[in-house]
């Protein structure tokens, strides 16, 4: 698989884009895929899997050109001129994703003028906001979200406490997330329940714990504040608009993927998008059973994620290339 990296000017930042493709499989008639990471994530998670077949590789081998985006404050993205402009959900949806799509359509090897969007976790929420705010004019074909919240129908009690006050949440900046993860992930083999809110240790190959730490990213106070306001209001409001209400005008095909015991984004919260969506072509995959439950991270780096998540995404998108 071949990879090219790009830095794109975006509202005072250079956001980072990674372009991946498999030359022997690439079908230039397919729409390029754009993957957006979520809260405390970066795009490393899309190109890594403990047992080898990452999301990017699976999709590339299905014929797609795959782009992953690190928005401002994520991964290698960096501020221009050393001046940090705080990230926000509004900037992600109205500036960074807009600029990323424009750049991708200008640089893609594919013979198309549209992209398909895959939003991971909070990246799914950014996709919802982008489409709601640009429903009259966008260059999007189909949409996939993986553990993406829209309406906080259910909030885990621990998250309720953490985000109870927007003012306090906004003061919390945690630049040591990867360092904490380096200590937490090895504990999973000895105390499987330590991170059960986020992952089911039974689904993870912990022999690559050090690589797993690279999938997490630093937490920003400005995003924490946005999340706290959102959880208080239940509905996502961006740029003064209620995103839940505005999605009735969005008609793109939609696939929602969720973990049946996701503590970060509970099933009811992830599925709210189906009720709000204006299009008729919409479906969901609820991954896991009562005895073999799936949490948030399992959808990306779980041992069976290639079979239970990545391949169904590829098949669904391939069936909608019209």
Protein backbone atom coordinates (compact mmCIF):
# COMPACT_ATOMS: atom_id res chain seq x y z
CA UNK A 1 0.00 0.00 0.00
CA UNK A 2 1.25 3.48 -0.84
CA UNK A 3 0.91 6.50 1.40
CA UNK A 4 1.39 10.21 0.76
CA UNK A 5 1.07 12.90 3.42
CA UNK A 6 -0.12 16.46 2.90
CA UNK A 7 -0.43 19.62 4.99
CA UNK A 8 -3.26 21.96 4.05
CA UNK A 9 -3.84 25.55 5.18
CA UNK A 10 -7.03 25.82 7.18
CA UNK A 11 -8.01 28.83 9.27
CA UNK A 12 -4.66 29.48 10.89
CA UNK A 13 -3.62 25.82 10.96
CA UNK A 14 -1.89 23.34 8.72
CA UNK A 15 -4.17 20.32 8.97
CA UNK A 16 -2.69 16.93 8.16
CA UNK A 17 -4.08 14.60 5.47
CA UNK A 18 -2.87 11.09 4.71
CA UNK A 19 -3.65 9.60 1.29
CA UNK A 20 -3.54 5.78 1.08
CA UNK A 21 -4.14 3.46 -1.86
CA UNK A 22 -3.28 -0.01 -3.12
CA UNK A 23 -2.09 0.39 -6.75
CA UNK A 24 -3.06 -3.17 -7.69
CA UNK A 25 -6.62 -2.64 -6.41
CA UNK A 26 -7.38 1.05 -7.01
CA UNK A 27 -10.59 1.69 -8.93
CA UNK A 28 -10.47 5.29 -10.13
CA UNK A 29 -14.21 5.35 -10.77
CA UNK A 30 -14.93 5.05 -7.03
CA UNK A 31 -15.37 8.12 -4.86
CA UNK A 32 -12.42 8.78 -2.54
CA UNK A 33 -13.12 8.08 1.13
CA UNK A 34 -12.51 10.74 3.77
CA UNK A 35 -12.15 9.48 7.36
CA UNK A 36 -12.44 11.92 10.28
CA UNK A 37 -11.20 10.96 13.76
CA UNK A 38 -12.94 11.77 17.01
CA UNK A 39 -12.34 13.10 20.52
CA UNK A 40 -8.97 12.16 21.94
CA UNK A 41 -8.14 10.34 18.69
CA UNK A 42 -5.95 10.94 15.68
CA UNK A 43 -5.79 9.33 12.26
CA UNK A 44 -3.09 6.83 13.28
CA UNK A 45 -5.92 4.52 14.39
CA UNK A 46 -7.15 4.16 10.79
CA UNK A 47 -3.80 2.94 9.49
CA UNK A 48 -3.04 0.59 12.40
CA UNK A 49 -4.51 -2.68 13.57
CA UNK A 50 -2.84 -4.99 16.13
CA UNK A 51 -3.32 -7.98 13.83
CA UNK A 52 -2.45 -6.29 10.56
CA UNK A 53 -5.57 -5.33 8.60
CA UNK A 54 -6.30 -1.70 9.40
CA UNK A 55 -9.39 0.17 8.28
CA UNK A 56 -7.38 2.05 5.65
CA UNK A 57 -5.85 -1.15 4.27
CA UNK A 58 -9.18 -2.98 4.16
CA UNK A 59 -10.84 -0.12 2.29
CA UNK A 60 -7.88 0.37 -0.06
CA UNK A 61 -7.86 -3.32 -0.94
CA UNK A 62 -11.56 -2.99 -1.80
CA UNK A 63 -10.53 -0.48 -4.48
CA UNK A 64 -10.88 2.85 -2.70
CA UNK A 65 -8.49 5.75 -2.42
CA UNK A 66 -8.53 6.47 1.32
CA UNK A 67 -7.85 9.82 2.95
CA UNK A 68 -7.64 10.34 6.71
CA UNK A 69 -7.78 13.82 8.18
CA UNK A 70 -6.21 15.23 11.32
CA UNK A 71 -8.16 18.38 12.12
CA UNK A 72 -6.62 21.29 14.00
CA UNK A 73 -5.08 20.08 17.24
CA UNK A 74 -5.02 16.43 16.15
CA UNK A 75 -1.98 14.33 15.31
CA UNK A 76 0.72 16.14 13.27
CA UNK A 77 -1.49 19.13 12.44
CA UNK A 78 0.18 22.34 13.56
CA UNK A 79 -0.68 26.03 13.95
CA UNK A 80 0.58 28.49 11.36
CA UNK A 81 3.20 30.99 12.55
CA UNK A 82 3.20 29.35 15.98
CA UNK A 83 -0.08 31.05 16.90
CA UNK A 84 -2.52 28.53 18.38
CA UNK A 85 -6.18 29.06 17.49
CA UNK A 86 -8.22 26.82 19.78
CA UNK A 87 -10.05 23.96 18.06
CA UNK A 88 -13.84 23.79 18.21
CA UNK A 89 -16.63 21.67 16.76
CA UNK A 90 -17.67 24.66 14.67
CA UNK A 91 -14.18 25.07 13.20
CA UNK A 92 -14.00 21.34 12.45
CA UNK A 93 -17.32 21.37 10.56
CA UNK A 94 -17.22 24.76 8.86
CA UNK A 95 -13.51 25.25 8.15
CA UNK A 96 -11.30 22.17 8.42
CA UNK A 97 -13.57 19.58 6.82
CA UNK A 98 -14.53 22.06 4.08
CA UNK A 99 -10.87 22.70 3.25
CA UNK A 100 -9.99 19.01 3.44
CA UNK A 101 -12.71 18.01 0.96
CA UNK A 102 -11.74 20.78 -1.46
CA UNK A 103 -8.08 19.71 -1.35
CA UNK A 104 -8.89 16.03 -1.75
CA UNK A 105 -11.08 16.60 -4.80
CA UNK A 106 -8.30 18.69 -6.35
CA UNK A 107 -5.60 16.08 -5.68
CA UNK A 108 -7.38 12.73 -5.98
CA UNK A 109 -6.45 10.23 -8.66
CA UNK A 110 -10.13 9.26 -8.86
CA UNK A 111 -12.40 10.34 -11.71
CA UNK A 112 -15.17 11.88 -9.61
CA UNK A 113 -16.30 15.19 -8.16
CA UNK A 114 -17.64 13.81 -4.87
CA UNK A 115 -16.32 12.05 -1.78
CA UNK A 116 -17.77 9.58 0.71
CA UNK A 117 -17.43 10.49 4.39
CA UNK A 118 -16.61 8.17 7.30
CA UNK A 119 -16.86 9.80 10.72
CA UNK A 120 -15.33 7.99 13.68
CA UNK A 121 -16.74 8.79 17.12
CA UNK A 122 -16.86 12.60 17.43
CA UNK A 123 -15.77 12.67 13.78
CA UNK A 124 -19.24 11.34 13.00
CA UNK A 125 -20.74 14.33 14.81
CA UNK A 126 -18.53 16.64 12.75
CA UNK A 127 -19.86 14.95 9.60
CA UNK A 128 -23.45 15.46 10.78
CA UNK A 129 -22.76 19.13 11.46
CA UNK A 130 -21.02 19.63 8.12
CA UNK A 131 -23.91 18.11 6.18
CA UNK A 132 -26.59 19.93 8.17
CA UNK A 133 -24.88 23.27 7.56
CA UNK A 134 -24.12 22.53 3.89
CA UNK A 135 -27.17 20.47 2.90
CA UNK A 136 -27.96 22.64 -0.11
CA UNK A 137 -24.49 22.42 -1.59
CA UNK A 138 -21.92 19.77 -0.80
CA UNK A 139 -19.83 17.26 -2.71
CA UNK A 140 -20.70 14.14 -0.73
CA UNK A 141 -22.04 10.80 -1.89
CA UNK A 142 -22.60 8.40 1.02
CA UNK A 143 -22.03 8.72 4.76
CA UNK A 144 -20.84 6.24 7.41
CA UNK A 145 -20.54 7.00 11.12
CA UNK A 146 -18.94 4.69 13.68
CA UNK A 147 -19.95 5.32 17.29
CA UNK A 148 -20.90 8.90 16.42
CA UNK A 149 -23.15 10.86 18.84
CA UNK A 150 -25.88 13.22 17.67
CA UNK A 151 -28.46 13.58 20.48
CA UNK A 152 -27.27 12.64 23.96
CA UNK A 153 -30.31 10.46 24.60
CA UNK A 154 -28.22 8.48 27.09
CA UNK A 155 -25.04 9.70 28.77
CA UNK A 156 -22.87 7.40 30.86
CA UNK A 157 -22.84 8.54 34.53
CA UNK A 158 -19.06 9.01 34.47
CA UNK A 159 -19.33 11.34 31.48
CA UNK A 160 -22.17 13.25 33.16
CA UNK A 161 -19.84 14.01 36.05
CA UNK A 162 -16.85 14.84 33.84
CA UNK A 163 -18.82 17.27 31.67
CA UNK A 164 -21.27 18.64 34.25
CA UNK A 165 -19.87 22.17 34.05
CA UNK A 166 -18.86 23.76 30.72
CA UNK A 167 -16.70 26.29 32.57
CA UNK A 168 -14.77 23.63 34.47
CA UNK A 169 -14.57 21.28 31.48
CA UNK A 170 -13.17 24.15 29.41
CA UNK A 171 -10.33 24.62 31.86
CA UNK A 172 -9.26 20.99 31.59
CA UNK A 173 -6.36 20.59 29.19
CA UNK A 174 -4.64 17.24 29.25
CA UNK A 175 -1.47 17.13 27.11
CA UNK A 176 -0.35 13.79 28.53
CA UNK A 177 -2.97 11.43 27.08
CA UNK A 178 -0.47 9.16 25.35
CA UNK A 179 1.68 8.96 28.47
CA UNK A 180 -1.36 7.92 30.52
CA UNK A 181 -2.32 5.36 27.86
CA UNK A 182 1.16 3.82 28.01
CA UNK A 183 0.47 2.96 31.66
CA UNK A 184 -3.21 2.06 31.25
CA UNK A 185 -3.11 -0.32 28.29
CA UNK A 186 -0.71 -2.85 29.90
CA UNK A 187 -3.10 -3.04 32.88
CA UNK A 188 -5.82 -4.47 30.64
CA UNK A 189 -4.27 -7.93 30.63
CA UNK A 190 -4.27 -8.00 34.46
CA UNK A 191 -7.40 -5.94 35.22
CA UNK A 192 -9.70 -6.26 32.17
CA UNK A 193 -12.37 -3.95 33.59
CA UNK A 194 -10.09 -0.94 34.03
CA UNK A 195 -11.09 0.62 30.69
CA UNK A 196 -14.37 -1.21 30.04
CA UNK A 197 -16.10 2.10 29.34
CA UNK A 198 -13.89 2.39 26.25
CA UNK A 199 -12.91 -1.15 25.25
CA UNK A 200 -13.43 -4.86 25.90
CA UNK A 201 -10.00 -6.30 26.66
CA UNK A 202 -11.09 -9.70 25.29
CA UNK A 203 -11.19 -8.20 21.80
CA UNK A 204 -7.71 -6.68 21.84
CA UNK A 205 -4.30 -8.05 20.98
CA UNK A 206 -2.37 -6.45 23.83
CA UNK A 207 1.01 -7.56 22.52
CA UNK A 208 0.96 -4.24 20.63
CA UNK A 209 0.07 -2.07 23.63
CA UNK A 210 2.75 0.51 22.82
CA UNK A 211 1.35 0.99 19.32
CA UNK A 212 -2.17 1.26 20.74
CA UNK A 213 -1.06 4.32 22.70
CA UNK A 214 -0.43 6.13 19.40
CA UNK A 215 -4.15 5.93 18.57
CA UNK A 216 -5.07 8.39 21.33
CA UNK A 217 -4.49 12.13 21.30
CA UNK A 218 -4.39 15.08 23.67
CA UNK A 219 -7.60 16.58 25.04
CA UNK A 220 -8.37 20.27 24.41
CA UNK A 221 -10.24 22.46 26.87
CA UNK A 222 -12.19 24.17 24.09
CA UNK A 223 -13.54 20.84 22.82
CA UNK A 224 -14.30 19.76 26.39
CA UNK A 225 -16.37 22.92 26.80
CA UNK A 226 -18.24 22.25 23.54
CA UNK A 227 -19.01 18.73 24.72
CA UNK A 228 -20.27 19.93 28.10
CA UNK A 229 -22.68 22.43 26.52
CA UNK A 230 -23.83 19.76 24.09
CA UNK A 231 -24.56 17.19 26.80
CA UNK A 232 -26.50 19.81 28.77
CA UNK A 233 -28.58 20.73 25.71
CA UNK A 234 -28.95 17.12 24.46
CA UNK A 235 -28.95 18.31 20.83
CA UNK A 236 -25.81 19.35 18.97
CA UNK A 237 -25.80 23.08 18.18
CA UNK A 238 -23.12 24.39 15.80
CA UNK A 239 -22.88 27.89 14.32
CA UNK A 240 -26.20 28.73 15.95
CA UNK A 241 -28.05 25.87 14.25
CA UNK A 242 -29.65 22.80 15.80
CA UNK A 243 -27.93 20.00 13.90
CA UNK A 244 -30.44 17.34 14.90
CA UNK A 245 -33.34 19.35 13.48
CA UNK A 246 -31.43 20.35 10.33
CA UNK A 247 -30.60 16.76 9.38
CA UNK A 248 -34.17 16.26 8.14
CA UNK A 249 -32.98 18.09 5.02
CA UNK A 250 -30.06 15.71 4.42
CA UNK A 251 -30.80 12.91 1.94
CA UNK A 252 -27.50 11.08 1.50
CA UNK A 253 -27.34 7.31 2.13
CA UNK A 254 -26.39 6.73 5.78
CA UNK A 255 -24.87 3.77 7.63
CA UNK A 256 -24.57 3.96 11.43
CA UNK A 257 -22.28 1.47 13.19
CA UNK A 258 -22.30 1.11 16.98
CA UNK A 259 -21.07 -1.14 19.76
CA UNK A 260 -23.81 -2.79 21.79
CA UNK A 261 -22.16 -1.85 25.14
CA UNK A 262 -20.36 1.33 24.14
CA UNK A 263 -19.95 3.40 27.30
CA UNK A 264 -18.60 6.45 25.50
CA UNK A 265 -21.43 6.73 22.95
CA UNK A 266 -24.30 4.49 24.13
CA UNK A 267 -26.39 2.79 21.42
CA UNK A 268 -29.40 5.07 21.95
CA UNK A 269 -27.21 8.12 21.38
CA UNK A 270 -25.59 6.73 18.24
CA UNK A 271 -28.92 5.58 16.76
CA UNK A 272 -30.55 9.01 17.20
CA UNK A 273 -29.16 9.98 13.79
CA UNK A 274 -31.43 7.48 12.03
CA UNK A 275 -34.53 9.19 13.43
CA UNK A 276 -33.26 12.65 12.50
CA UNK A 277 -32.05 11.75 9.00
CA UNK A 278 -34.12 12.95 6.06
CA UNK A 279 -33.01 10.33 3.55
CA UNK A 280 -34.70 6.96 3.08
CA UNK A 281 -31.54 4.90 2.45
CA UNK A 282 -30.33 4.44 6.02
CA UNK A 283 -29.19 1.40 7.95
CA UNK A 284 -27.35 0.41 11.12
CA UNK A 285 -25.09 -2.37 12.35
CA UNK A 286 -25.15 -3.09 16.08
CA UNK A 287 -21.90 -4.96 16.74
CA UNK A 288 -21.81 -7.40 19.64
CA UNK A 289 -24.03 -9.70 21.68
CA UNK A 290 -24.88 -9.84 25.40
CA UNK A 291 -22.17 -12.46 25.89
CA UNK A 292 -19.65 -10.94 23.48
CA UNK A 293 -20.09 -7.21 23.97
CA UNK A 294 -18.41 -4.44 22.03
CA UNK A 295 -17.30 -1.08 23.39
CA UNK A 296 -16.06 2.04 21.61
CA UNK A 297 -12.46 1.24 20.68
CA UNK A 298 -13.32 -2.35 19.71
CA UNK A 299 -14.97 -0.96 16.57
CA UNK A 300 -11.57 0.29 15.37
CA UNK A 301 -8.86 -1.96 16.81
CA UNK A 302 -10.77 -5.04 17.99
CA UNK A 303 -9.49 -8.37 16.68
CA UNK A 304 -12.59 -8.89 14.54
CA UNK A 305 -13.06 -5.27 13.47
CA UNK A 306 -11.89 -6.03 9.90
CA UNK A 307 -14.67 -8.62 9.48
CA UNK A 308 -17.39 -6.99 11.58
CA UNK A 309 -16.85 -3.31 10.78
CA UNK A 310 -14.41 -2.53 7.95
CA UNK A 311 -15.60 -5.06 5.35
CA UNK A 312 -19.31 -4.23 5.84
CA UNK A 313 -18.44 -0.55 5.33
CA UNK A 314 -16.61 -1.33 2.08
CA UNK A 315 -19.43 -3.53 0.79
CA UNK A 316 -22.10 -0.96 1.65
CA UNK A 317 -20.20 1.90 0.00
CA UNK A 318 -19.44 -0.15 -3.12
CA UNK A 319 -23.16 -0.79 -3.55
CA UNK A 320 -23.83 2.97 -3.62
CA UNK A 321 -21.37 4.21 -6.23
CA UNK A 322 -23.94 5.81 -8.52
